[in-house]
Protein backbone atom coordinates (compact mmCIF):
# COMPACT_ATOMS: atom_id res chain seq x y z
CA MET A 1 -21.80 -75.74 148.73
CA GLN A 2 -21.11 -71.50 149.53
CA ILE A 3 -21.65 -70.38 152.99
CA PRO A 4 -24.94 -68.24 153.00
CA ASP A 5 -24.36 -64.98 154.05
CA ARG A 6 -26.93 -64.87 156.98
CA HIS A 7 -29.81 -68.00 158.32
CA PRO A 8 -32.71 -68.29 157.72
CA THR A 9 -33.10 -64.97 155.62
CA LEU A 10 -31.74 -66.75 152.23
CA ARG A 11 -30.47 -63.81 149.41
CA PHE A 12 -26.55 -64.38 148.97
CA SER A 13 -23.34 -66.40 149.67
CA SER A 14 -20.38 -64.84 151.59
CA ILE A 15 -16.99 -66.14 150.01
CA ALA A 16 -15.96 -64.51 153.69
CA GLY A 17 -18.04 -66.98 155.53
CA THR A 18 -17.30 -68.96 152.95
CA GLY A 19 -13.53 -69.37 154.29
CA PHE A 20 -14.58 -69.49 157.71
CA GLY A 21 -16.94 -73.09 156.50
CA PHE A 22 -14.06 -73.93 155.56
CA THR A 23 -12.10 -73.92 159.06
CA ALA A 24 -15.31 -75.40 160.60
CA TYR A 25 -15.40 -78.04 158.89
CA LEU A 26 -12.07 -79.29 160.65
CA ILE A 27 -13.31 -77.93 163.84
CA GLY A 28 -16.31 -80.82 163.04
CA ALA A 29 -13.92 -83.14 162.11
CA GLU A 30 -11.56 -83.01 165.33
CA ASN A 31 -14.36 -82.75 167.36
CA GLY A 32 -15.84 -85.93 165.99
CA PHE A 33 -19.43 -83.79 164.90
CA VAL A 34 -18.68 -84.72 161.48
CA THR A 35 -16.10 -87.87 160.00
CA ARG A 36 -13.07 -86.45 158.64
CA GLU A 37 -14.37 -88.12 155.19
CA GLU A 38 -17.34 -86.70 155.63
CA ALA A 39 -15.41 -82.86 156.03
CA SER A 40 -13.09 -83.85 153.30
CA ASP A 41 -15.92 -84.56 150.90
CA ARG A 42 -17.60 -80.82 151.50
CA THR A 43 -13.91 -79.36 151.21
CA LEU A 44 -13.25 -80.47 148.04
CA LYS A 45 -16.43 -80.05 146.33
CA THR A 46 -16.55 -76.61 147.22
CA LEU A 47 -13.18 -75.74 146.75
CA GLN A 48 -13.76 -77.50 143.04
CA ILE A 49 -16.69 -74.87 142.41
CA LEU A 50 -14.48 -72.10 143.60
CA ILE A 51 -12.07 -73.28 141.24
CA GLY A 52 -14.32 -73.80 138.43
CA LEU A 53 -15.82 -70.40 138.60
CA PRO A 54 -15.86 -67.75 135.83
CA GLN A 55 -13.29 -65.16 136.19
CA GLY A 56 -13.16 -61.88 134.01
CA PRO A 57 -13.54 -58.18 133.99
CA ASP A 58 -16.91 -58.01 132.96
CA SER A 59 -19.62 -56.76 135.32
CA SER A 60 -21.70 -59.85 135.18
CA GLY A 61 -22.21 -63.50 134.68
CA VAL A 62 -18.69 -64.02 136.86
CA SER A 63 -17.48 -64.60 140.29
CA GLY A 64 -14.42 -62.73 140.08
CA TYR A 65 -11.37 -61.53 138.21
CA LYS A 66 -7.64 -61.74 138.69
CA GLY A 67 -8.34 -64.76 141.57
CA PHE A 68 -10.24 -62.21 143.76
CA PHE A 69 -14.02 -63.08 144.66
CA TYR A 70 -16.36 -60.46 144.44
CA HIS A 71 -18.09 -60.33 148.08
CA PHE A 72 -21.28 -61.62 147.62
CA LEU A 73 -22.44 -64.58 145.37
CA THR A 74 -25.71 -65.19 144.21
CA ILE A 75 -27.12 -68.58 146.21
CA GLU A 76 -28.01 -70.03 142.56
CA GLN A 77 -24.75 -69.97 140.39
CA ALA A 78 -22.30 -68.43 142.72
CA LEU A 79 -22.00 -65.34 140.58
CA ARG A 80 -21.79 -61.69 141.42
CA TYR A 81 -24.35 -60.50 143.81
CA LYS A 82 -26.16 -57.21 142.02
CA ASN A 83 -22.99 -54.36 141.91
CA VAL A 84 -21.23 -55.85 144.83
CA GLU A 85 -16.90 -54.55 144.82
CA LEU A 86 -14.49 -57.62 143.93
CA SER A 87 -13.44 -57.48 147.98
CA SER A 88 -9.53 -58.03 148.89
CA ILE A 89 -10.29 -58.70 152.55
CA ASP A 90 -13.63 -61.28 151.68
CA THR A 91 -11.15 -62.74 149.47
CA GLY A 92 -8.17 -62.52 151.67
CA LEU A 93 -10.62 -64.56 154.48
CA LEU A 94 -11.79 -66.88 152.24
CA MET A 95 -7.93 -68.09 151.64
CA ALA A 96 -7.18 -67.91 155.19
CA GLY A 97 -9.95 -70.60 155.61
CA ILE A 98 -8.32 -72.61 152.64
CA ILE A 99 -5.11 -72.65 153.99
CA SER A 100 -6.29 -73.90 157.09
CA ALA A 101 -7.70 -76.52 154.69
CA ILE A 102 -4.74 -77.25 153.08
CA GLN A 103 -3.00 -77.74 156.51
CA TYR A 104 -5.24 -79.97 158.03
CA PHE A 105 -5.75 -82.43 155.03
CA ASP A 106 -2.22 -83.71 155.07
CA ARG A 107 -3.08 -87.28 154.06
CA ASN A 108 -1.41 -89.37 151.09
CA ASN A 109 -4.85 -90.14 149.72
CA PRO A 110 -6.50 -88.48 146.38
CA GLN A 111 -9.03 -86.89 147.89
CA GLU A 112 -7.05 -85.21 150.42
CA ALA A 113 -4.03 -84.33 147.75
CA GLU A 114 -6.93 -82.61 145.65
CA ILE A 115 -7.84 -80.79 148.13
CA ARG A 116 -3.93 -79.46 148.76
CA ASN A 117 -3.69 -78.82 144.61
CA ILE A 118 -6.68 -76.73 144.43
CA GLY A 119 -6.57 -74.91 147.35
CA ASN A 120 -2.58 -73.80 146.55
CA ALA A 121 -3.68 -73.47 142.66
CA LEU A 122 -6.66 -71.00 144.30
CA PHE A 123 -4.17 -69.26 146.07
CA ARG A 124 -1.24 -68.40 144.24
CA ARG A 125 -3.45 -67.12 141.27
CA VAL A 126 -4.31 -64.28 143.56
CA GLU A 127 -2.65 -61.70 141.97
CA TRP A 128 -2.34 -59.12 145.59
CA ASP A 129 0.24 -56.97 143.60
CA TRP A 130 -2.76 -55.97 141.12
CA MET A 131 -4.69 -54.55 144.00
CA TYR A 132 -2.07 -52.48 145.38
CA VAL A 133 -2.25 -49.33 143.91
CA ASN A 134 -3.22 -46.48 146.45
CA ASP A 135 0.30 -45.02 146.95
CA GLY A 136 1.87 -48.20 148.09
CA LYS A 137 -1.06 -49.43 150.04
CA LEU A 138 -4.13 -52.39 149.27
CA SER A 139 -7.10 -50.97 147.59
CA MET A 140 -10.13 -52.30 149.59
CA GLY A 141 -11.67 -53.62 146.27
CA TRP A 142 -12.51 -52.89 142.48
CA HIS A 143 -15.63 -52.35 140.55
CA PRO A 144 -15.55 -53.83 136.76
CA GLU A 145 -17.60 -50.46 136.31
CA ARG A 146 -15.69 -47.56 137.91
CA GLY A 147 -12.39 -49.19 138.75
CA TYR A 148 -10.13 -49.51 142.10
CA ILE A 149 -11.92 -48.28 145.27
CA PRO A 150 -10.15 -45.21 146.43
CA SER A 151 -9.78 -46.49 150.36
CA SER A 152 -6.74 -48.30 151.24
CA TRP A 153 -5.96 -51.01 154.01
CA ASP A 154 -4.37 -48.12 156.63
CA GLY A 155 -4.72 -47.50 160.31
CA TYR A 156 -4.83 -50.75 162.51
CA ASN A 157 -7.98 -53.48 161.50
CA GLU A 158 -8.97 -56.68 160.64
CA ALA A 159 -6.44 -56.71 157.76
CA MET A 160 -3.80 -58.30 159.25
CA ILE A 161 -3.84 -61.16 157.90
CA LEU A 162 -4.72 -59.86 154.42
CA LEU A 163 -1.55 -58.08 154.06
CA VAL A 164 0.98 -61.30 155.42
CA MET A 165 -0.90 -63.94 152.80
CA ALA A 166 -0.29 -60.76 150.00
CA MET A 167 3.63 -60.55 150.86
CA GLY A 168 4.03 -64.28 151.68
CA SER A 169 2.47 -65.15 147.75
CA PRO A 170 5.28 -67.13 145.90
CA THR A 171 3.69 -65.85 142.61
CA HIS A 172 1.85 -62.16 143.32
CA PRO A 173 3.49 -60.34 146.39
CA ILE A 174 3.26 -57.18 147.51
CA PRO A 175 6.75 -55.47 148.28
CA ASP A 176 8.21 -56.33 151.47
CA ASP A 177 8.17 -52.29 152.77
CA ALA A 178 4.34 -52.89 152.71
CA TRP A 179 4.07 -53.29 156.65
CA SER A 180 6.12 -50.79 157.27
CA GLY A 181 3.58 -48.48 155.20
CA TRP A 182 1.07 -50.19 156.78
CA THR A 183 2.18 -49.77 160.56
CA SER A 184 2.77 -45.81 159.74
CA THR A 185 -0.78 -45.38 159.47
CA TYR A 186 -1.48 -46.66 163.20
CA GLU A 187 -3.30 -44.79 165.87
CA TRP A 188 -1.81 -45.94 169.52
CA GLY A 189 -3.97 -44.36 172.21
CA SER A 190 -5.76 -44.66 175.33
CA PHE A 191 -9.14 -45.46 175.91
CA LYS A 192 -11.08 -46.91 179.57
CA GLY A 193 -7.15 -47.03 181.37
CA HIS A 194 -5.58 -49.27 178.70
CA GLU A 195 -3.20 -47.96 176.03
CA TYR A 196 -3.55 -49.37 172.29
CA LEU A 197 -3.42 -49.37 168.74
CA GLN A 198 -7.01 -48.25 168.61
CA PHE A 199 -9.65 -49.55 166.49
CA SER A 200 -13.28 -49.41 167.65
CA PRO A 201 -15.59 -52.35 166.74
CA LEU A 202 -13.97 -55.51 168.08
CA PHE A 203 -13.74 -57.93 165.01
CA GLY A 204 -10.95 -55.98 163.75
CA HIS A 205 -9.34 -57.28 166.76
CA GLN A 206 -10.46 -60.85 166.33
CA TYR A 207 -10.13 -61.88 162.52
CA SER A 208 -6.71 -61.71 161.95
CA HIS A 209 -6.14 -63.56 165.44
CA MET A 210 -8.38 -66.47 165.19
CA TYR A 211 -5.59 -67.80 161.76
CA ILE A 212 -2.27 -66.35 163.20
CA ASP A 213 -0.83 -66.60 166.60
CA PHE A 214 0.22 -63.45 167.84
CA ARG A 215 1.45 -64.72 171.21
CA GLY A 216 5.33 -63.98 171.74
CA ILE A 217 6.02 -62.77 167.93
CA GLN A 218 6.44 -58.92 167.43
CA ASP A 219 6.88 -56.92 164.39
CA ASP A 220 9.04 -53.30 164.88
CA TYR A 221 6.10 -51.50 165.90
CA MET A 222 4.95 -53.68 168.71
CA GLN A 223 8.55 -54.54 169.70
CA GLU A 224 8.78 -50.62 170.67
CA LYS A 225 5.77 -50.97 172.67
CA GLY A 226 6.68 -53.67 174.72
CA ILE A 227 3.65 -55.77 173.99
CA ASP A 228 2.61 -57.94 170.91
CA TYR A 229 -0.48 -57.84 168.91
CA PHE A 230 -2.29 -60.74 171.46
CA GLU A 231 -1.90 -58.07 174.35
CA ASN A 232 -3.04 -55.28 171.92
CA SER A 233 -6.39 -57.42 171.93
CA ARG A 234 -6.75 -58.28 175.43
CA ARG A 235 -6.66 -54.32 176.14
CA ALA A 236 -8.94 -53.60 173.35
CA THR A 237 -11.44 -56.41 174.81
CA LEU A 238 -10.83 -55.13 178.15
CA ALA A 239 -11.63 -51.79 177.03
CA ASN A 240 -14.83 -52.09 175.34
CA ARG A 241 -15.61 -54.03 178.36
CA ALA A 242 -14.99 -51.29 180.58
CA TYR A 243 -17.07 -48.86 178.31
CA CYS A 244 -20.00 -50.95 178.25
CA MET A 245 -20.00 -51.63 182.02
CA ASP A 246 -19.93 -46.98 182.36
CA ASN A 247 -22.92 -47.50 180.05
CA PRO A 248 -22.86 -43.43 179.39
CA ASN A 249 -26.08 -43.87 177.72
CA GLN A 250 -27.86 -45.91 180.03
CA PHE A 251 -28.77 -48.66 178.11
CA VAL A 252 -30.74 -51.36 179.19
CA GLY A 253 -28.74 -54.55 180.14
CA TYR A 254 -25.34 -53.66 179.81
CA GLY A 255 -23.20 -54.89 182.58
CA ALA A 256 -19.87 -56.89 183.68
CA ASP A 257 -21.69 -60.08 182.17
CA GLN A 258 -23.27 -58.51 179.43
CA TRP A 259 -21.64 -56.48 176.59
CA GLY A 260 -19.87 -56.39 173.22
CA LEU A 261 -19.69 -54.15 170.79
CA THR A 262 -18.84 -55.31 166.93
CA ALA A 263 -20.38 -54.81 163.64
CA CYS A 264 -23.88 -56.39 163.64
CA ASP A 265 -27.14 -56.26 162.82
CA GLY A 266 -29.50 -53.86 164.33
CA PRO A 267 -32.99 -52.98 164.82
CA ALA A 268 -34.39 -50.56 162.88
CA GLY A 269 -33.34 -46.84 161.22
CA LEU A 270 -35.11 -45.18 163.71
CA ASP A 271 -35.04 -41.49 164.82
CA THR A 272 -35.90 -41.10 168.40
CA VAL A 273 -35.50 -39.79 171.83
CA TRP A 274 -33.15 -41.85 173.95
CA ASN A 275 -32.52 -40.65 178.23
CA ASN A 276 -32.48 -37.27 176.98
CA ASN A 277 -31.02 -37.64 174.09
CA SER A 278 -31.25 -37.75 170.33
CA ILE A 279 -30.05 -41.28 169.26
CA ARG A 280 -30.69 -43.04 166.20
CA PHE A 281 -31.26 -46.90 165.87
CA ILE A 282 -29.64 -48.10 162.78
CA THR A 283 -29.61 -51.85 161.42
CA TYR A 284 -26.41 -53.25 160.38
CA SER A 285 -23.29 -51.33 161.54
CA ALA A 286 -19.85 -51.27 162.27
CA ARG A 287 -20.51 -50.87 166.21
CA GLY A 288 -18.10 -50.23 168.80
CA ALA A 289 -15.96 -47.71 170.96
CA SER A 290 -12.31 -46.50 171.32
CA ALA A 291 -10.21 -43.76 171.80
CA LEU A 292 -11.29 -42.79 167.65
CA ARG A 293 -14.59 -43.14 167.95
CA VAL A 294 -17.99 -44.53 169.81
CA HIS A 295 -20.74 -45.76 168.02
CA ASP A 296 -23.38 -47.65 170.11
CA ASP A 297 -27.15 -47.88 170.04
CA GLY A 298 -27.99 -50.26 172.82
CA THR A 299 -27.08 -53.13 170.36
CA LEU A 300 -25.26 -55.82 172.15
CA SER A 301 -23.14 -58.80 169.87
CA PRO A 302 -22.44 -62.62 171.08
CA THR A 303 -19.79 -62.29 169.00
CA ALA A 304 -17.80 -60.20 170.84
CA ALA A 305 -16.97 -61.56 173.36
CA GLY A 306 -17.53 -64.96 171.96
CA GLY A 307 -14.54 -63.74 169.25
CA SER A 308 -12.41 -62.27 172.08
CA VAL A 309 -12.44 -65.81 174.67
CA PRO A 310 -8.42 -66.76 174.06
CA PHE A 311 -7.89 -62.82 174.82
CA ALA A 312 -9.73 -62.49 178.18
CA PRO A 313 -10.92 -65.77 178.83
CA ASP A 314 -12.70 -65.25 182.16
CA GLU A 315 -14.33 -62.14 181.07
CA CYS A 316 -15.67 -62.87 178.04
CA LEU A 317 -16.56 -66.96 179.01
CA ALA A 318 -18.61 -65.26 181.65
CA ALA A 319 -20.41 -62.54 178.98
CA LEU A 320 -21.75 -65.83 177.03
CA LYS A 321 -22.71 -67.67 179.96
CA TYR A 322 -25.18 -64.92 181.13
CA MET A 323 -26.10 -63.78 177.90
CA TRP A 324 -27.18 -67.88 177.27
CA GLU A 325 -29.09 -68.12 180.30
CA ASN A 326 -30.61 -65.01 180.58
CA ASN A 327 -32.01 -64.29 176.89
CA TYR A 328 -32.12 -68.12 175.97
CA GLU A 329 -35.90 -67.37 175.07
CA HIS A 330 -35.30 -64.94 172.23
CA LEU A 331 -31.57 -65.02 171.60
CA ILE A 332 -31.03 -68.66 171.46
CA GLY A 333 -31.62 -71.26 168.99
CA GLU A 334 -31.08 -74.56 166.20
CA TYR A 335 -27.04 -72.98 165.84
CA GLY A 336 -26.72 -71.00 169.20
CA PHE A 337 -26.55 -67.27 169.70
CA LYS A 338 -28.71 -65.43 166.97
CA ASP A 339 -26.57 -62.56 166.09
CA ALA A 340 -27.46 -59.70 167.75
CA PHE A 341 -30.06 -58.06 170.41
CA ASN A 342 -31.05 -54.59 171.90
CA PRO A 343 -33.45 -54.77 174.95
CA SER A 344 -33.48 -50.77 174.52
CA PHE A 345 -35.59 -50.86 171.85
CA THR A 346 -39.08 -51.46 172.52
CA PHE A 347 -40.52 -49.23 169.92
CA THR A 348 -42.48 -51.75 167.72
CA GLU A 349 -45.26 -53.71 168.98
CA ASP A 350 -43.21 -56.69 168.73
CA THR A 351 -40.28 -55.54 171.03
CA LYS A 352 -42.50 -53.63 173.33
CA ASN A 353 -42.31 -56.35 176.26
CA GLN A 354 -39.00 -57.54 175.84
CA GLY A 355 -36.77 -55.29 173.12
CA TRP A 356 -35.56 -56.35 169.65
CA PHE A 357 -33.54 -59.78 169.27
CA ASP A 358 -32.31 -60.75 165.70
CA HIS A 359 -33.39 -63.54 163.84
CA ASP A 360 -30.79 -64.24 161.62
CA TYR A 361 -27.12 -65.69 162.08
CA LEU A 362 -24.75 -64.21 159.89
CA GLY A 363 -21.93 -66.18 159.01
CA ILE A 364 -18.39 -64.13 159.73
CA ASP A 365 -19.92 -63.34 162.98
CA GLN A 366 -20.61 -67.31 163.94
CA GLY A 367 -17.07 -67.90 162.86
CA PRO A 368 -15.04 -65.81 165.26
CA ILE A 369 -17.50 -67.32 168.08
CA LEU A 370 -16.32 -71.57 166.83
CA ILE A 371 -13.11 -70.61 165.98
CA GLN A 372 -11.79 -68.61 168.56
CA MET A 373 -13.37 -71.22 171.00
CA GLN A 374 -11.28 -73.87 169.73
CA ASN A 375 -7.92 -71.96 169.85
CA TYR A 376 -8.77 -71.22 173.62
CA GLU A 377 -9.04 -74.56 173.69
CA ASN A 378 -6.01 -76.24 172.06
CA ASN A 379 -4.50 -73.67 169.60
CA PHE A 380 -5.71 -76.00 166.78
CA ILE A 381 -6.25 -73.25 164.10
CA TRP A 382 -3.17 -71.18 164.97
CA ASP A 383 -1.14 -74.72 164.98
CA LEU A 384 -2.15 -75.82 161.70
CA MET A 385 -1.61 -72.10 160.25
CA LYS A 386 2.03 -72.10 162.09
CA LYS A 387 2.66 -75.06 159.49
CA SER A 388 1.92 -72.52 156.28
CA PRO A 389 4.60 -71.45 154.28
CA TYR A 390 2.82 -68.70 152.72
CA ILE A 391 2.00 -67.73 156.81
CA ILE A 392 5.54 -67.92 157.62
CA ASP A 393 6.43 -65.64 154.59
CA GLY A 394 5.01 -63.37 155.07
CA LEU A 395 5.58 -62.63 159.02
CA LYS A 396 8.99 -63.10 158.27
CA LYS A 397 8.78 -60.23 155.28
CA ALA A 398 6.88 -58.64 157.76
CA GLY A 399 9.79 -58.32 160.04
CA PHE A 400 8.06 -60.44 162.85
CA LYS A 401 10.63 -62.03 164.98
CA GLY A 402 10.47 -64.21 168.42
CA GLY A 403 8.36 -66.94 169.80
CA TRP A 404 6.95 -69.67 167.61
CA LEU A 405 8.75 -68.06 164.44
CA GLU A 406 12.30 -68.56 165.21
């Protein structure tokens, strides 16, 4: 019942993808794609598996430790895949999906009550404070072979939701000053005519916003800047689009309605010359553009625009429409948009005519398209999460005020 990391290539399941999957079930029920009973049955069975998976400090034969889960789990037994890390952010995204299910399945019947019971148990057993070790910051993860990952969650990125939940935990919270420590590492800057918190791939401006409606609520940092995090993501989206429109490397296909740099699949590992400059085309990577860093090899991903629809609906919906209509034969399949494409990559026999198009879907890239489209339509996931005491308490401890929090 776990969500595969990708399809049709099947190697392992993604714990973050499973979190997005929980939320997808609710959207399916809300739109009549499945019945509420079908969605609750799948949700409950997945939660029952998660709560029953072995946890412990061993390097194999377990699925997690201290309430956290390993980044990837095996398909057959949902155990640690190879030597991947115990992941703080991927566990956080799993928990965000679980919280959305807790809030949606609120009826007084045995099945929905059990969803709430197991979901709350899974959230409350996560020892966020155990991961809070790197000079007052959350570590990105832990390996049984060598301990905590030295890298911490700082700067501005996708981890806002992680900190909010860790601060809002009633059982293992991190300190109330964690948010001020987090914001102290922010890098504000200007890029393509927009001033905003800099982070290059667009997924960092999307993931937390899938679950928290930041419109009209501000922490001290944003109050000083005179905007909110939603406006920050709007500016980041428009700056990403503006960079692609400028297209300094003159890649094929970039334009006002075909743009979007974020973490995604890519064509291959190949060093060559493009536009009289040396370039390396790569496989999966965190592509993006900001004042901090530009990483661009001509690969575009529909989730960049799809996950930003609430921020800039006119620009993002136009891009999705254009990509759908103009790349349908190669980019669209049974489940909609494939993960990525690169019209400039024509260096192999099967790409020389039309460029490179991915054959896989990625769970963590499909999720933002679905969830953010639903939020744009009727605030569905945002409104569910506004009822969660974990989210409310975390935001208030972080110093957020105004708007729907009052």
